[in-house]
Amino acid sequence: MYTWMYCLFVVALTTCQPEKVKTGFESGVASKDSLHIITGAERVGLYYPMLKDKKVALVVNQTSMAGDKHLVDTLLKLGVNINVVFAPEHGFRGVADAGEKVDDTKDLKTGLRIISLYGKKKKPSAVDLEGVDIVVFDIQDVGVRFYTYISTLHYIMESCAENHKKLIVLDRPNPNAYFIDGPVLDTAYRSFIGMHPVPVVYGMTIGEYAQMINGEGWLSEKVTCELTVIACKNYSYDSYYELPVRGYPAEVGDFRKRFPAEAADFRRKMAKNSAVFCVVCGKPACA
């Protein structure tokens, strides 16, 4: 058995403070304000053609907003045939406590069938995906390894690959994308709160993370998911992004907003020390 560890590199960030921006909405038309961050979910014109006349499964929760409407409501209004909703930890509405098991249910508002991926199972079965043509994943992440949404993403990708289903990930900004920190996970301690050999804070959007899961061959038997990522528009790693809908827990906030002095000092040290560094050994360009 071979033990391996990969080095993750990041270009050091500039010391200027990022400009606060607003979110916008795009239906296949460019935003008038170039400062607006447009999430993947808001770029309806790019992914609606892939969903038209298809049977669709959604992986969503309370953060899955397209502008001021939930993605479910947006797609139903467009006539998209939503076959089933898969719910991650905390449930479809985000009201379950941390670690609390969530049961399968039926959404009272829409009548949609909801299958929990944080109850009896964490991975959709072949039966769950029967009659589904394409799966859409849209959940706001915060860029830390122990958030279970990236573990749910892993199992969604694995199930899609095994059952020959296409997956669309609607990308969202990572509010902590401006830095990478913490030890890389020793996979001997792999669990649902840490599945991959990445740092605690990994500096990627969830769409980029999905591409890395594919590229690194982390799925079972090294299968590859047929993946499409609808990227954010007008977004960079220096963009200030305040979550329009809080994830869970509610007290989690943007580090730069809560601790501006510490964040500025961290950025200055990064820019001063090296242009490129490895989070595993801490040395510049170790590979």
Protein backbone atom coordinates (compact mmCIF):
# COMPACT_ATOMS: atom_id res chain seq x y z
CA MET A 1 0.00 0.00 0.00
CA TYR A 2 1.37 3.37 -0.93
CA THR A 3 1.02 6.39 1.31
CA TRP A 4 0.83 9.64 -0.57
CA MET A 5 0.12 13.26 -0.01
CA TYR A 6 -0.36 15.91 -2.59
CA CYS A 7 0.72 19.53 -2.23
CA LEU A 8 -1.87 22.20 -2.81
CA PHE A 9 -0.57 25.49 -4.10
CA VAL A 10 -2.11 28.91 -4.01
CA VAL A 11 -1.02 32.22 -5.45
CA ALA A 12 -0.53 34.69 -2.61
CA LEU A 13 -3.24 37.29 -2.35
CA THR A 14 -2.76 41.02 -2.68
CA THR A 15 -2.98 43.25 0.37
CA CYS A 16 -5.74 45.50 -0.93
CA GLN A 17 -9.15 45.13 0.66
CA PRO A 18 -11.77 43.55 -1.64
CA GLU A 19 -14.66 45.69 -2.73
CA LYS A 20 -18.05 44.70 -1.39
CA VAL A 21 -20.38 43.63 -4.16
CA LYS A 22 -24.03 42.74 -4.52
CA THR A 23 -25.65 39.70 -6.01
CA GLY A 24 -27.55 39.99 -9.26
CA PHE A 25 -29.81 37.82 -11.40
CA GLU A 26 -29.16 36.62 -14.91
CA SER A 27 -31.49 34.73 -17.23
CA GLY A 28 -29.04 34.21 -20.04
CA VAL A 29 -28.44 37.97 -20.33
CA ALA A 30 -25.34 39.75 -19.05
CA SER A 31 -25.75 41.82 -15.89
CA LYS A 32 -25.79 45.58 -16.40
CA ASP A 33 -23.59 46.08 -13.34
CA SER A 34 -20.22 44.38 -13.73
CA LEU A 35 -19.72 44.43 -9.94
CA HIS A 36 -22.62 42.10 -9.27
CA ILE A 37 -21.69 38.53 -8.43
CA ILE A 38 -24.05 36.25 -10.32
CA THR A 39 -24.28 32.74 -8.89
CA GLY A 40 -24.61 29.64 -11.01
CA ALA A 41 -28.25 29.25 -9.96
CA GLU A 42 -29.01 32.75 -11.23
CA ARG A 43 -27.62 31.96 -14.70
CA VAL A 44 -30.82 30.17 -15.64
CA GLY A 45 -30.34 30.67 -19.35
CA LEU A 46 -27.22 28.50 -19.29
CA TYR A 47 -28.70 25.41 -17.66
CA TYR A 48 -32.44 25.54 -18.38
CA PRO A 49 -31.94 24.10 -21.90
CA MET A 50 -30.29 21.06 -20.30
CA LEU A 51 -33.32 20.52 -18.04
CA LYS A 52 -36.10 21.14 -20.53
CA ASP A 53 -38.18 18.00 -21.17
CA LYS A 54 -36.03 16.04 -18.69
CA LYS A 55 -36.86 14.36 -15.40
CA VAL A 56 -34.78 16.22 -12.84
CA ALA A 57 -33.51 15.43 -9.35
CA LEU A 58 -32.35 18.31 -7.14
CA VAL A 59 -29.85 18.32 -4.28
CA VAL A 60 -30.80 21.50 -2.43
CA ASN A 61 -31.50 23.12 0.93
CA GLN A 62 -32.52 26.54 2.28
CA THR A 63 -29.47 28.21 0.67
CA SER A 64 -30.48 27.23 -2.88
CA MET A 65 -31.73 30.64 -3.93
CA ALA A 66 -31.88 32.03 -7.46
CA GLY A 67 -32.21 35.74 -6.83
CA ASP A 68 -35.03 36.17 -4.32
CA LYS A 69 -36.69 32.82 -5.10
CA HIS A 70 -35.78 29.29 -4.16
CA LEU A 71 -34.41 27.19 -7.01
CA VAL A 72 -37.32 24.75 -6.65
CA ASP A 73 -39.85 27.55 -7.16
CA THR A 74 -37.85 28.98 -10.07
CA LEU A 75 -37.70 25.67 -11.91
CA LEU A 76 -41.33 24.74 -11.23
CA LYS A 77 -42.42 28.10 -12.64
CA LEU A 78 -40.40 27.33 -15.78
CA GLY A 79 -42.20 24.01 -16.11
CA VAL A 80 -39.22 21.82 -15.21
CA ASN A 81 -40.25 18.30 -14.22
CA ILE A 82 -38.74 17.82 -10.74
CA ASN A 83 -38.87 14.12 -9.97
CA VAL A 84 -37.31 14.10 -6.50
CA VAL A 85 -35.37 16.29 -4.05
CA PHE A 86 -32.37 14.99 -2.12
CA ALA A 87 -31.74 16.76 1.19
CA PRO A 88 -28.34 17.03 2.95
CA GLU A 89 -27.55 17.38 6.66
CA HIS A 90 -30.00 19.77 8.41
CA GLY A 91 -32.70 18.87 5.86
CA PHE A 92 -34.38 20.57 2.92
CA ARG A 93 -35.45 23.56 5.03
CA GLY A 94 -32.24 23.67 7.09
CA VAL A 95 -34.00 23.33 10.44
CA ALA A 96 -32.55 20.05 11.76
CA ASP A 97 -29.78 20.30 14.34
CA ALA A 98 -26.15 19.34 13.68
CA GLY A 99 -25.85 15.56 13.57
CA GLU A 100 -29.61 15.08 13.81
CA LYS A 101 -30.92 12.31 11.58
CA VAL A 102 -33.37 13.51 8.94
CA ASP A 103 -36.21 11.33 7.66
CA ASP A 104 -37.61 11.06 4.15
CA THR A 105 -40.68 13.22 3.75
CA LYS A 106 -42.95 15.09 1.37
CA ASP A 107 -42.72 18.85 1.06
CA LEU A 108 -46.04 20.35 2.10
CA LYS A 109 -45.69 23.44 -0.10
CA THR A 110 -44.75 21.76 -3.39
CA GLY A 111 -45.79 18.15 -2.84
CA LEU A 112 -42.33 17.01 -3.93
CA ARG A 113 -40.85 13.78 -2.61
CA ILE A 114 -37.80 14.45 -0.43
CA ILE A 115 -35.21 11.75 0.18
CA SER A 116 -32.86 12.39 3.08
CA LEU A 117 -29.14 11.87 2.60
CA TYR A 118 -28.55 12.31 6.30
CA GLY A 119 -30.72 9.58 7.77
CA LYS A 120 -30.79 5.94 6.76
CA LYS A 121 -28.27 6.58 3.99
CA LYS A 122 -25.87 9.17 2.66
CA LYS A 123 -25.79 8.08 -0.98
CA PRO A 124 -28.69 7.83 -3.45
CA SER A 125 -29.45 4.28 -4.50
CA ALA A 126 -30.10 3.07 -8.03
CA VAL A 127 -33.79 2.88 -7.11
CA ASP A 128 -33.75 6.52 -5.96
CA LEU A 129 -32.46 7.57 -9.38
CA GLU A 130 -34.87 5.47 -11.43
CA GLY A 131 -36.69 7.70 -13.89
CA VAL A 132 -34.21 10.56 -13.37
CA ASP A 133 -32.39 11.94 -16.41
CA ILE A 134 -30.22 14.57 -14.77
CA VAL A 135 -29.26 15.71 -11.26
CA VAL A 136 -28.73 19.34 -10.19
CA PHE A 137 -26.64 20.16 -7.11
CA ASP A 138 -27.01 23.66 -5.64
CA ILE A 139 -25.91 24.16 -2.03
CA GLN A 140 -23.97 27.06 -0.52
CA ASP A 141 -20.69 25.88 1.00
CA VAL A 142 -18.27 27.82 3.21
CA GLY A 143 -15.00 26.20 2.15
CA VAL A 144 -14.12 24.18 5.24
CA ARG A 145 -13.44 20.45 5.21
CA PHE A 146 -15.75 19.44 8.06
CA TYR A 147 -18.90 20.87 6.44
CA THR A 148 -20.69 17.75 5.24
CA TYR A 149 -22.04 19.28 2.03
CA ILE A 150 -18.85 18.36 0.15
CA SER A 151 -19.23 14.79 1.43
CA THR A 152 -22.80 14.75 0.13
CA LEU A 153 -21.45 16.09 -3.16
CA HIS A 154 -18.97 13.19 -3.27
CA TYR A 155 -21.70 10.57 -2.87
CA ILE A 156 -23.98 12.32 -5.36
CA MET A 157 -21.18 12.27 -7.93
CA GLU A 158 -20.43 8.62 -7.19
CA SER A 159 -24.07 7.59 -7.54
CA CYS A 160 -24.46 9.58 -10.77
CA ALA A 161 -21.34 7.92 -12.21
CA GLU A 162 -22.46 4.43 -11.24
CA ASN A 163 -25.97 4.94 -12.61
CA HIS A 164 -24.99 6.88 -15.75
CA LYS A 165 -26.72 10.12 -14.77
CA LYS A 166 -25.49 13.58 -15.72
CA LEU A 167 -24.77 16.05 -12.93
CA ILE A 168 -24.95 19.84 -13.03
CA VAL A 169 -23.33 21.77 -10.17
CA LEU A 170 -24.56 25.35 -9.87
CA ASP A 171 -21.53 27.08 -8.44
CA ARG A 172 -21.57 29.60 -5.61
CA PRO A 173 -18.88 31.87 -4.15
CA ASN A 174 -16.77 30.58 -1.29
CA PRO A 175 -16.82 33.30 1.42
CA ASN A 176 -13.47 31.96 2.68
CA ALA A 177 -11.77 31.46 -0.69
CA TYR A 178 -9.15 34.14 -0.05
CA PHE A 179 -6.96 31.86 2.08
CA ILE A 180 -5.95 28.23 2.58
CA ASP A 181 -5.01 26.94 6.01
CA GLY A 182 -4.83 23.94 8.30
CA PRO A 183 -3.38 20.44 8.04
CA VAL A 184 -4.18 18.11 5.16
CA LEU A 185 -6.42 15.24 6.27
CA ASP A 186 -4.73 11.90 6.90
CA THR A 187 -7.07 9.57 5.01
CA ALA A 188 -6.58 6.91 7.69
CA TYR A 189 -9.08 9.05 9.63
CA ARG A 190 -11.49 9.50 6.74
CA SER A 191 -15.14 10.02 7.72
CA PHE A 192 -18.24 11.89 6.58
CA ILE A 193 -16.86 15.06 8.20
CA GLY A 194 -13.62 14.68 6.28
CA MET A 195 -13.38 12.47 3.19
CA HIS A 196 -10.53 13.91 1.15
CA PRO A 197 -6.85 14.80 1.68
CA VAL A 198 -7.37 18.57 1.67
CA PRO A 199 -6.58 21.32 4.22
CA VAL A 200 -9.17 22.40 6.78
CA VAL A 201 -9.77 25.58 4.75
CA TYR A 202 -9.30 24.67 1.10
CA GLY A 203 -9.93 27.88 -0.86
CA MET A 204 -12.16 26.54 -3.64
CA THR A 205 -15.76 26.94 -4.73
CA ILE A 206 -17.94 23.86 -4.57
CA GLY A 207 -17.94 23.62 -8.37
CA GLU A 208 -14.15 23.61 -8.41
CA TYR A 209 -14.19 21.03 -5.63
CA ALA A 210 -16.42 18.77 -7.73
CA GLN A 211 -13.94 19.02 -10.60
CA MET A 212 -11.12 18.11 -8.20
CA ILE A 213 -13.01 15.03 -6.97
CA ASN A 214 -13.25 13.87 -10.57
CA GLY A 215 -9.71 14.84 -11.49
CA GLU A 216 -8.06 13.22 -8.47
CA GLY A 217 -9.97 9.96 -8.93
CA TRP A 218 -11.47 10.06 -5.44
CA LEU A 219 -14.73 8.32 -6.35
CA SER A 220 -15.07 4.59 -5.68
CA GLU A 221 -13.24 2.45 -8.25
CA LYS A 222 -12.03 5.78 -9.71
CA VAL A 223 -15.24 6.20 -11.67
CA THR A 224 -15.79 9.60 -13.28
CA CYS A 225 -18.99 11.60 -13.05
CA GLU A 226 -20.33 13.29 -16.19
CA LEU A 227 -20.14 16.77 -14.73
CA THR A 228 -21.13 20.25 -15.85
CA VAL A 229 -20.34 23.24 -13.63
CA ILE A 230 -22.27 26.47 -14.15
CA ALA A 231 -19.70 28.96 -12.90
CA CYS A 232 -20.36 32.21 -11.08
CA LYS A 233 -19.98 35.42 -13.05
CA ASN A 234 -18.04 38.50 -11.92
CA TYR A 235 -16.46 36.52 -9.08
CA SER A 236 -12.84 36.17 -8.00
CA TYR A 237 -11.17 34.82 -4.87
CA ASP A 238 -10.75 38.40 -3.64
CA SER A 239 -14.45 39.18 -3.98
CA TYR A 240 -16.21 40.04 -0.74
CA TYR A 241 -19.26 37.81 -0.51
CA GLU A 242 -21.72 37.88 2.36
CA LEU A 243 -24.06 34.91 2.33
CA PRO A 244 -27.55 36.08 1.30
CA VAL A 245 -28.99 33.09 3.18
CA ARG A 246 -27.12 31.75 6.17
CA GLY A 247 -26.00 28.17 6.10
CA TYR A 248 -25.85 26.22 9.33
CA PRO A 249 -25.04 27.07 12.06
CA ALA A 250 -26.49 30.56 11.96
CA GLU A 251 -23.57 32.10 13.87
CA VAL A 252 -21.04 31.28 11.14
CA GLY A 253 -20.00 34.55 9.49
CA ASP A 254 -17.39 35.93 7.14
CA PHE A 255 -13.99 36.06 8.88
CA ARG A 256 -13.05 39.33 7.18
CA LYS A 257 -16.18 41.05 8.46
CA ARG A 258 -15.99 39.74 12.02
CA PHE A 259 -12.21 40.12 12.41
CA PRO A 260 -11.07 42.77 9.89
CA ALA A 261 -7.73 43.54 11.59
CA GLU A 262 -6.72 39.87 11.83
CA ALA A 263 -7.77 39.23 8.22
CA ALA A 264 -5.77 42.20 6.93
CA ASP A 265 -2.69 41.08 8.89
CA PHE A 266 -3.01 37.55 7.52
CA ARG A 267 -3.16 38.85 3.95
CA ARG A 268 -0.10 41.08 4.48
CA LYS A 269 1.94 38.15 5.80
CA MET A 270 0.94 35.96 2.87
CA ALA A 271 1.91 38.59 0.31
CA LYS A 272 5.24 39.25 2.04
CA ASN A 273 6.39 35.68 2.59
CA SER A 274 6.07 34.07 -0.84
CA ALA A 275 4.31 34.17 -4.15
CA VAL A 276 3.53 30.45 -4.14
CA PHE A 277 3.62 28.15 -1.14
CA CYS A 278 2.62 24.65 -0.11
CA VAL A 279 0.13 24.20 2.72
CA VAL A 280 1.58 20.78 3.56
CA CYS A 281 5.17 21.79 4.36
CA GLY A 282 4.84 25.59 4.43
CA LYS A 283 7.74 26.08 2.02
CA PRO A 284 7.59 27.97 -1.28
CA ALA A 285 7.13 25.81 -4.40
CA CYS A 286 8.03 22.49 -2.78
CA ALA A 287 6.95 20.36 -5.74
